[in-house]
Amino acid sequence: MRVLADRDRSGAYLIMLCIATGLFGLFFFLTLFIQTVLGYSAIRAGIAYLPFAVGVVIASTLAAPLVARIGPRPLILVGCAMVAGGMFWFSRLTEHAGYASHLLGPQLVSSFGLGFVFVPLALVALHNVAEQDSGVASSLLNAAQQVGGAIGLALLGTVAWTAVADSIRTQVAHAAAAGRPLPKPGTVPPASIYDHALTAGFSRGFVVAAGIGLLALLIGIVTIRVSRQELAGAAPEPQPAPEPEASQSAAPQLATVQQREDRTALAAAARPCRFC
């Protein structure tokens, strides 16, 4: 429990939990959207994710020197805001979306936000931790990421697939009211209905993920207080030197005392021995 007693460290764990919750849902929904709705092959979908990986690497590289200059708090707050903004941007997707016009932008925003968050979170989680607790502090950060991913798939998946089922029922009811042919019970609905339902469900999931990103931002505002000087382990500033007047006035007194001691020593040396 002493590892969790530090407010900054506990905040870092909660932020990682929230970010991972939205991140795992993002990968799950976006993969299904790219391959099912847009019709990308597995290889093409993997290539479509490359800008995301590049953005994380670039942002992480930039975050390392920025932490030493401005501290971890600004980077964490900016990163959480970018992740939340990217998730909300993904929620604007439609079944007619294009890669360059609708997917590339939110990918870059989200990936840069993740890069800005991960580096300072790791530093804050291990800041001022005892040597015997360093392994526990590091593993708790990884555990928060894995637990957040499991929660994200369960929570966001439930939200998304519930919205998908509702959308399919609504579209089928509208088709029946318009007298259009309906799919047989137990069969897959037409592609137009299914793609629209998937897009609507994934958009709902992205909105919830954006809300979780905002929760991470609020946690960072409340809990993260460590400064760049504390993170770097800077020593306290030295005390100012005494005023020149005080030092000058003390110098004659010290000289006088030293002269008296010297005269006493010389007198003792010149005094004849008492036994002589």
Protein backbone atom coordinates (compact mmCIF):
# COMPACT_ATOMS: atom_id res chain seq x y z
CA MET A 1 0.00 0.00 0.00
CA ARG A 2 2.92 2.36 0.51
CA VAL A 3 3.45 2.34 -3.27
CA LEU A 4 -0.08 3.71 -3.75
CA ALA A 5 0.28 6.26 -0.95
CA ASP A 6 1.94 8.73 -3.32
CA ARG A 7 -0.72 10.86 -5.05
CA ASP A 8 1.24 11.36 -8.28
CA ARG A 9 1.96 7.65 -8.63
CA SER A 10 -1.64 6.64 -8.00
CA GLY A 11 -2.77 9.23 -10.52
CA ALA A 12 -0.39 7.80 -13.11
CA TYR A 13 -1.89 4.33 -12.60
CA LEU A 14 -5.44 5.63 -12.99
CA ILE A 15 -4.54 7.58 -16.11
CA MET A 16 -2.94 4.50 -17.66
CA LEU A 17 -6.05 2.49 -16.78
CA CYS A 18 -8.30 5.00 -18.57
CA ILE A 19 -6.05 5.41 -21.60
CA ALA A 20 -5.74 1.65 -22.06
CA THR A 21 -9.52 1.29 -21.77
CA GLY A 22 -10.04 3.53 -24.76
CA LEU A 23 -6.98 2.31 -26.68
CA PHE A 24 -7.93 -1.37 -26.80
CA GLY A 25 -11.45 -0.47 -27.86
CA LEU A 26 -10.01 1.79 -30.56
CA PHE A 27 -7.94 -1.00 -32.08
CA PHE A 28 -10.83 -3.47 -31.95
CA PHE A 29 -13.43 -1.18 -33.51
CA LEU A 30 -11.11 0.36 -36.06
CA THR A 31 -9.90 -3.02 -37.30
CA LEU A 32 -13.45 -4.27 -37.81
CA PHE A 33 -14.45 -1.02 -39.48
CA ILE A 34 -11.53 -1.03 -41.91
CA GLN A 35 -11.90 -4.66 -42.91
CA THR A 36 -15.69 -5.11 -42.77
CA VAL A 37 -17.11 -1.74 -43.77
CA LEU A 38 -14.33 -0.40 -46.00
CA GLY A 39 -13.43 -3.86 -47.33
CA TYR A 40 -9.67 -3.73 -46.72
CA SER A 41 -7.68 -6.95 -46.77
CA ALA A 42 -5.67 -7.97 -43.69
CA ILE A 43 -2.40 -6.75 -45.20
CA ARG A 44 -3.90 -3.47 -46.36
CA ALA A 45 -5.44 -2.92 -42.92
CA GLY A 46 -2.05 -3.49 -41.31
CA ILE A 47 -0.46 -0.95 -43.64
CA ALA A 48 -3.26 1.48 -42.78
CA TYR A 49 -2.09 1.36 -39.14
CA LEU A 50 1.49 2.37 -39.96
CA PRO A 51 0.91 6.13 -39.45
CA PHE A 52 -0.37 5.32 -35.99
CA ALA A 53 2.84 3.54 -35.05
CA VAL A 54 4.97 6.29 -36.58
CA GLY A 55 3.08 8.95 -34.64
CA VAL A 56 3.65 7.16 -31.32
CA VAL A 57 7.39 6.82 -32.01
CA ILE A 58 7.80 10.46 -33.02
CA ALA A 59 5.82 11.77 -30.06
CA SER A 60 7.71 9.55 -27.61
CA THR A 61 11.00 10.81 -29.00
CA LEU A 62 9.88 14.41 -28.58
CA ALA A 63 8.49 13.78 -25.10
CA ALA A 64 11.80 12.57 -23.64
CA PRO A 65 13.60 15.96 -23.80
CA LEU A 66 10.40 17.92 -23.17
CA VAL A 67 9.91 16.25 -19.79
CA ALA A 68 13.24 17.65 -18.63
CA ARG A 69 12.32 21.14 -19.84
CA ILE A 70 8.67 21.60 -18.87
CA GLY A 71 7.95 18.68 -16.54
CA PRO A 72 5.58 15.71 -16.88
CA ARG A 73 2.29 17.45 -16.01
CA PRO A 74 1.89 19.55 -19.21
CA LEU A 75 2.72 16.57 -21.43
CA ILE A 76 0.27 14.29 -19.64
CA LEU A 77 -2.53 16.84 -19.86
CA VAL A 78 -1.89 17.62 -23.53
CA GLY A 79 -1.59 13.93 -24.36
CA CYS A 80 -4.86 13.01 -22.64
CA ALA A 81 -6.64 15.87 -24.41
CA MET A 82 -5.28 14.71 -27.78
CA VAL A 83 -6.33 11.11 -27.13
CA ALA A 84 -9.84 12.22 -26.19
CA GLY A 85 -10.01 14.48 -29.25
CA GLY A 86 -8.83 11.71 -31.54
CA MET A 87 -11.42 9.30 -30.15
CA PHE A 88 -14.19 11.82 -30.69
CA TRP A 89 -12.94 12.44 -34.23
CA PHE A 90 -13.22 8.70 -34.90
CA SER A 91 -16.85 8.83 -33.77
CA ARG A 92 -17.63 11.01 -36.83
CA LEU A 93 -16.92 8.10 -39.21
CA THR A 94 -19.56 6.97 -41.70
CA GLU A 95 -19.84 3.91 -43.90
CA HIS A 96 -18.72 6.08 -46.82
CA ALA A 97 -15.53 7.30 -45.11
CA GLY A 98 -12.22 7.45 -46.94
CA TYR A 99 -8.81 6.71 -45.49
CA ALA A 100 -7.03 10.00 -46.18
CA SER A 101 -10.05 12.19 -45.43
CA HIS A 102 -11.50 10.46 -42.36
CA LEU A 103 -9.01 7.98 -40.85
CA LEU A 104 -5.54 9.49 -41.20
CA GLY A 105 -6.21 12.65 -39.19
CA PRO A 106 -7.64 11.03 -36.02
CA GLN A 107 -4.95 8.35 -36.19
CA LEU A 108 -2.19 10.96 -36.04
CA VAL A 109 -3.88 12.97 -33.28
CA SER A 110 -4.46 9.88 -31.12
CA SER A 111 -0.99 8.45 -31.72
CA PHE A 112 0.80 11.70 -30.84
CA GLY A 113 -1.32 11.96 -27.71
CA LEU A 114 -0.35 8.44 -26.66
CA GLY A 115 3.33 9.17 -27.21
CA PHE A 116 3.10 12.30 -25.07
CA VAL A 117 1.35 10.36 -22.29
CA PHE A 118 3.34 7.12 -22.06
CA VAL A 119 6.80 8.60 -21.44
CA PRO A 120 5.93 10.94 -18.53
CA LEU A 121 3.57 8.38 -16.99
CA ALA A 122 6.39 5.86 -16.70
CA LEU A 123 8.65 8.48 -15.09
CA VAL A 124 6.00 9.63 -12.62
CA ALA A 125 5.14 6.04 -11.65
CA LEU A 126 8.77 5.35 -10.69
CA HIS A 127 9.51 8.76 -9.19
CA ASN A 128 10.65 8.81 -5.56
CA VAL A 129 9.96 5.10 -5.11
CA ALA A 130 12.08 3.01 -2.73
CA GLU A 131 14.55 0.61 -4.30
CA GLN A 132 12.79 -2.44 -2.85
CA ASP A 133 9.46 -1.22 -4.31
CA SER A 134 10.66 -0.34 -7.81
CA GLY A 135 9.59 -3.68 -9.28
CA VAL A 136 6.12 -3.41 -7.78
CA ALA A 137 5.71 0.18 -8.96
CA SER A 138 6.70 -0.73 -12.52
CA SER A 139 4.54 -3.85 -12.66
CA LEU A 140 1.50 -1.95 -11.39
CA LEU A 141 1.76 0.39 -14.39
CA ASN A 142 1.76 -2.59 -16.75
CA ALA A 143 -1.08 -4.20 -14.79
CA ALA A 144 -3.14 -1.02 -15.12
CA GLN A 145 -2.63 -1.15 -18.88
CA GLN A 146 -3.74 -4.78 -19.15
CA VAL A 147 -6.71 -4.38 -16.81
CA GLY A 148 -7.77 -1.25 -18.66
CA GLY A 149 -7.63 -3.12 -21.95
CA ALA A 150 -9.84 -5.91 -20.61
CA ILE A 151 -12.32 -3.40 -19.21
CA GLY A 152 -12.29 -1.48 -22.49
CA LEU A 153 -13.11 -4.50 -24.64
CA ALA A 154 -15.92 -5.55 -22.28
CA LEU A 155 -17.42 -2.11 -21.69
CA LEU A 156 -17.01 -0.55 -25.11
CA GLY A 157 -17.88 -3.82 -26.84
CA THR A 158 -21.15 -4.00 -24.93
CA VAL A 159 -21.98 -0.40 -25.80
CA ALA A 160 -21.08 -0.84 -29.47
CA TRP A 161 -22.85 -4.13 -30.16
CA THR A 162 -25.96 -2.98 -28.32
CA ALA A 163 -26.05 0.05 -30.63
CA VAL A 164 -25.47 -2.24 -33.65
CA ALA A 165 -28.44 -4.43 -32.71
CA ASP A 166 -30.66 -1.40 -32.12
CA SER A 167 -29.67 0.08 -35.47
CA ILE A 168 -30.44 -3.13 -37.33
CA ARG A 169 -33.88 -3.40 -35.72
CA THR A 170 -34.63 0.23 -36.52
CA GLN A 171 -33.59 -0.12 -40.18
CA VAL A 172 -35.56 -3.34 -40.60
CA ALA A 173 -38.64 -1.66 -39.12
CA HIS A 174 -38.26 1.27 -41.49
CA ALA A 175 -37.84 -1.11 -44.43
CA ALA A 176 -40.98 -2.98 -43.42
CA ALA A 177 -42.94 0.26 -43.13
CA ALA A 178 -41.75 1.28 -46.59
CA GLY A 179 -42.74 -2.08 -48.10
CA ARG A 180 -39.22 -3.08 -49.06
CA PRO A 181 -38.17 -6.76 -48.94
CA LEU A 182 -36.91 -7.88 -45.54
CA PRO A 183 -34.16 -10.38 -44.71
CA LYS A 184 -35.31 -13.75 -43.48
CA PRO A 185 -35.05 -14.40 -39.74
CA GLY A 186 -31.64 -15.84 -38.80
CA THR A 187 -29.90 -14.55 -41.93
CA VAL A 188 -27.38 -11.76 -42.29
CA PRO A 189 -29.05 -8.44 -43.16
CA PRO A 190 -28.14 -6.70 -46.43
CA ALA A 191 -24.71 -5.10 -46.59
CA SER A 192 -26.13 -1.58 -46.60
CA ILE A 193 -28.03 -2.20 -43.36
CA TYR A 194 -25.16 -4.09 -41.72
CA ASP A 195 -22.50 -1.53 -42.62
CA HIS A 196 -24.60 1.36 -41.36
CA ALA A 197 -25.34 -0.51 -38.14
CA LEU A 198 -21.66 -1.30 -37.56
CA THR A 199 -20.70 2.31 -38.17
CA ALA A 200 -23.37 3.56 -35.77
CA GLY A 201 -22.32 1.11 -33.08
CA PHE A 202 -18.61 1.85 -33.42
CA SER A 203 -19.33 5.58 -33.34
CA ARG A 204 -21.15 5.11 -30.04
CA GLY A 205 -18.17 3.19 -28.70
CA PHE A 206 -15.76 5.91 -29.79
CA VAL A 207 -17.87 8.53 -28.02
CA VAL A 208 -17.65 6.55 -24.78
CA ALA A 209 -13.90 6.13 -25.31
CA ALA A 210 -13.58 9.90 -25.74
CA GLY A 211 -15.41 10.38 -22.45
CA ILE A 212 -12.95 8.02 -20.75
CA GLY A 213 -10.11 10.07 -22.23
CA LEU A 214 -11.61 13.20 -20.68
CA LEU A 215 -11.78 11.34 -17.36
CA ALA A 216 -8.05 10.66 -17.68
CA LEU A 217 -7.52 14.38 -18.31
CA LEU A 218 -9.43 15.28 -15.14
CA ILE A 219 -7.44 12.76 -13.12
CA GLY A 220 -4.23 14.31 -14.41
CA ILE A 221 -5.38 17.80 -13.47
CA VAL A 222 -6.21 16.72 -9.92
CA THR A 223 -3.40 14.31 -9.09
CA ILE A 224 -0.25 15.08 -11.09
CA ARG A 225 1.78 17.72 -9.24
CA VAL A 226 5.38 16.56 -9.56
CA SER A 227 7.66 19.22 -11.04
CA ARG A 228 10.58 18.81 -13.40
CA GLN A 229 13.01 19.65 -10.59
CA GLU A 230 11.58 16.90 -8.39
CA LEU A 231 11.57 14.44 -11.27
CA ALA A 232 15.22 15.20 -12.00
CA GLY A 233 16.13 14.87 -8.32
CA ALA A 234 17.62 18.38 -8.15
CA ALA A 235 19.33 19.35 -4.90
CA PRO A 236 17.91 22.23 -2.86
CA GLU A 237 19.28 25.64 -3.63
CA PRO A 238 22.33 26.58 -1.48
CA GLN A 239 21.89 29.14 1.25
CA PRO A 240 23.02 32.67 0.32
CA ALA A 241 26.45 33.76 1.47
CA PRO A 242 26.63 36.11 4.49
CA GLU A 243 26.60 39.80 3.89
CA PRO A 244 30.04 41.36 3.28
CA GLU A 245 29.66 43.82 6.18
CA ALA A 246 28.98 41.05 8.66
CA SER A 247 31.96 39.02 7.44
CA GLN A 248 34.23 42.04 7.57
CA SER A 249 33.17 42.93 11.12
CA ALA A 250 33.69 39.35 12.27
CA ALA A 251 37.22 39.17 10.81
CA PRO A 252 38.89 41.62 13.32
CA GLN A 253 37.29 39.81 16.24
CA LEU A 254 38.68 36.47 15.08
CA ALA A 255 42.11 38.05 14.58
CA THR A 256 42.05 39.54 18.10
CA VAL A 257 41.18 36.21 19.69
CA GLN A 258 43.94 34.49 17.74
CA GLN A 259 46.52 37.09 18.85
CA ARG A 260 45.54 36.63 22.51
CA GLU A 261 45.94 32.87 22.19
CA ASP A 262 49.35 33.31 20.59
CA ARG A 263 50.55 35.64 23.37
CA THR A 264 49.31 33.24 26.04
CA ALA A 265 51.18 30.36 24.38
CA LEU A 266 54.41 32.38 24.17
CA ALA A 267 54.14 33.40 27.84
CA ALA A 268 53.63 29.84 28.89
CA ALA A 269 56.63 28.75 26.88
CA ALA A 270 58.88 31.48 28.39
CA ARG A 271 57.76 30.82 32.00
CA PRO A 272 60.33 28.74 33.89
CA CYS A 273 59.42 25.28 35.00
CA ARG A 274 57.84 25.19 38.46
CA PHE A 275 60.12 22.34 39.50
CA CYS A 276 63.30 24.16 38.53
